[in-house]
Protein backbone atom coordinates (compact mmCIF):
# COMPACT_ATOMS: atom_id res chain seq x y z
CA MET A 1 32.47 -58.06 39.63
CA GLN A 2 31.16 -61.54 38.94
CA VAL A 3 32.11 -65.10 39.79
CA GLY A 4 34.90 -66.10 37.40
CA ASP A 5 36.41 -62.61 37.12
CA ILE A 6 40.04 -62.05 38.06
CA ALA A 7 40.21 -60.26 41.40
CA PRO A 8 41.72 -56.79 40.98
CA ASP A 9 45.08 -56.45 42.69
CA PHE A 10 45.53 -53.75 45.32
CA GLU A 11 47.83 -52.52 48.03
CA LEU A 12 46.51 -51.19 51.36
CA LYS A 13 47.82 -50.47 54.83
CA ALA A 14 46.86 -52.95 57.57
CA ASP A 15 46.08 -52.42 61.24
CA THR A 16 49.62 -53.68 61.91
CA GLY A 17 51.15 -50.82 59.92
CA GLU A 18 52.38 -53.10 57.16
CA THR A 19 51.35 -52.82 53.52
CA VAL A 20 49.33 -55.75 52.20
CA ARG A 21 49.27 -56.54 48.48
CA LEU A 22 46.62 -59.03 47.35
CA SER A 23 48.82 -60.60 44.66
CA SER A 24 51.42 -61.63 47.26
CA HIS A 25 48.81 -64.00 48.78
CA ILE A 26 47.45 -65.48 45.56
CA GLY A 27 48.52 -69.07 44.93
CA LYS A 28 49.39 -69.72 48.58
CA LYS A 29 45.91 -69.82 50.11
CA LYS A 30 42.43 -68.88 49.02
CA VAL A 31 41.57 -65.35 50.11
CA ILE A 32 38.41 -64.12 51.79
CA LEU A 33 37.95 -60.36 51.34
CA PHE A 34 35.12 -59.01 53.38
CA PHE A 35 34.10 -55.39 53.04
CA TYR A 36 32.19 -54.02 56.00
CA VAL A 37 30.60 -50.71 56.93
CA LYS A 38 32.29 -49.37 60.05
CA ASP A 39 34.45 -50.37 63.01
CA ASN A 40 32.70 -50.58 66.39
CA THR A 41 29.12 -50.80 65.11
CA PRO A 42 26.94 -53.66 66.42
CA GLY A 43 26.45 -55.45 63.08
CA CYS A 44 30.07 -55.13 61.97
CA THR A 45 31.34 -56.23 65.38
CA ALA A 46 29.16 -59.36 65.12
CA GLU A 47 30.48 -59.96 61.60
CA VAL A 48 34.18 -59.71 62.49
CA ARG A 49 33.64 -61.89 65.56
CA GLY A 50 32.00 -64.49 63.31
CA PHE A 51 35.07 -64.52 61.08
CA ARG A 52 37.29 -64.57 64.18
CA ASP A 53 35.52 -67.57 65.66
CA TYR A 54 35.95 -69.65 62.48
CA PHE A 55 39.42 -68.42 61.56
CA PRO A 56 41.32 -71.15 63.49
CA LYS A 57 39.32 -73.82 61.65
CA ILE A 58 40.05 -72.43 58.17
CA SER A 59 43.35 -70.53 58.52
CA ASP A 60 45.38 -73.37 56.99
CA GLN A 61 43.48 -72.93 53.69
CA TYR A 62 42.22 -69.35 53.76
CA GLU A 63 43.67 -65.88 54.34
CA ILE A 64 41.11 -63.35 55.60
CA PHE A 65 41.19 -59.58 55.16
CA GLY A 66 38.54 -57.11 56.29
CA ILE A 67 38.36 -53.79 54.42
CA ASN A 68 36.66 -50.45 54.97
CA GLN A 69 37.44 -46.74 54.99
CA ASP A 70 38.35 -46.49 58.68
CA SER A 71 41.89 -45.49 59.67
CA GLU A 72 44.70 -47.88 60.52
CA GLU A 73 44.50 -46.70 64.15
CA SER A 74 40.75 -47.41 64.30
CA HIS A 75 41.39 -50.88 62.84
CA LYS A 76 44.20 -51.51 65.34
CA GLU A 77 41.93 -50.72 68.30
CA PHE A 78 39.04 -52.71 66.78
CA CYS A 79 41.33 -55.73 66.25
CA GLN A 80 42.64 -55.57 69.80
CA ARG A 81 39.18 -55.11 71.35
CA ASN A 82 37.80 -58.10 69.42
CA GLU A 83 40.95 -60.28 69.53
CA LEU A 84 41.09 -60.66 65.75
CA GLN A 85 43.74 -62.97 64.27
CA PHE A 86 43.47 -61.54 60.75
CA LYS A 87 44.27 -58.14 59.29
CA LEU A 88 41.93 -55.23 58.71
CA LEU A 89 42.89 -53.01 55.78
CA SER A 90 42.32 -49.28 55.54
CA ASP A 91 40.81 -47.96 52.28
CA PRO A 92 40.26 -44.25 53.14
CA GLY A 93 39.56 -43.14 49.57
CA LYS A 94 37.40 -46.22 48.93
CA LYS A 95 39.40 -46.92 45.74
CA VAL A 96 39.56 -50.67 46.42
CA ALA A 97 35.90 -50.63 47.46
CA GLY A 98 35.17 -49.14 44.05
CA LEU A 99 37.06 -51.95 42.30
CA TYR A 100 35.00 -54.54 44.20
CA ASN A 101 31.56 -52.93 43.95
CA ALA A 102 31.67 -52.24 47.68
CA LYS A 103 30.91 -48.52 47.82
CA GLY A 104 27.85 -47.89 49.93
CA ALA A 105 24.90 -45.66 49.18
CA LEU A 106 25.98 -42.13 48.25
CA GLY A 107 29.60 -43.33 48.59
CA MET A 108 29.72 -42.46 52.29
CA TYR A 109 30.59 -45.90 53.62
CA THR A 110 31.73 -49.29 52.45
CA LYS A 111 28.89 -51.76 51.95
CA ARG A 112 28.85 -55.30 53.28
CA ILE A 113 30.03 -57.74 50.60
CA THR A 114 32.35 -60.75 50.78
CA TYR A 115 34.49 -62.32 48.06
CA LEU A 116 36.15 -65.73 48.01
CA ILE A 117 39.19 -65.59 45.73
CA GLY A 118 40.70 -68.85 44.51
CA LEU A 119 44.34 -69.86 44.21
CA ASP A 120 44.19 -68.78 40.55
CA SER A 121 43.05 -65.24 41.54
CA LYS A 122 39.54 -65.82 40.16
CA ILE A 123 36.48 -64.90 42.21
CA GLU A 124 34.81 -68.15 43.29
CA LYS A 125 31.94 -66.79 45.36
CA ILE A 126 30.29 -63.47 46.24
CA VAL A 127 28.11 -63.01 49.32
CA GLU A 128 26.15 -59.78 49.36
CA GLY A 129 23.38 -58.54 51.59
CA LEU A 130 22.63 -56.58 54.71
CA SER A 131 22.60 -59.53 57.08
CA THR A 132 25.75 -60.23 59.04
CA SER A 133 24.55 -63.81 59.47
CA ASN A 134 24.81 -64.36 55.67
CA HIS A 135 28.52 -63.72 55.88
CA ILE A 136 29.02 -65.90 58.94
CA GLU A 137 27.03 -68.71 57.30
CA PHE A 138 29.34 -68.37 54.29
CA VAL A 139 32.38 -69.00 56.48
CA GLN A 140 30.62 -71.94 58.13
CA SER A 141 29.93 -73.42 54.67
CA LEU A 142 33.67 -73.54 53.98
CA LEU A 143 33.97 -76.14 56.73
CA SER A 144 31.55 -78.59 55.14
């Protein structure tokens, strides 16, 4: 995946139990897809809290979805524990992670990578790296 590519459509179950289809959000708001390693780990908890803290400031222009291989139930508990206002999507077979170059080493986990998808469904920005602060700084940059 590269900047300028059309974001692959997908359908996944959310922590709320509903099915989320990416294409149903395209054209309404820009979409931030952030892939993260695992619920309830220190780095990933810091990352989701970073998105949570900025969500009220950007929610009128951006839809945010977090994705990894954890179960819907795990996501539900993680959302409640961290008071998240956005949905976490379960990708147990890591099929969507594969579409977005987000499979971790040896395919065991989902790696940390964030995509900004424009109203036209094209990828506008990709943030990749091991640092949770890179992803939080990305969200902060949307405010400037």
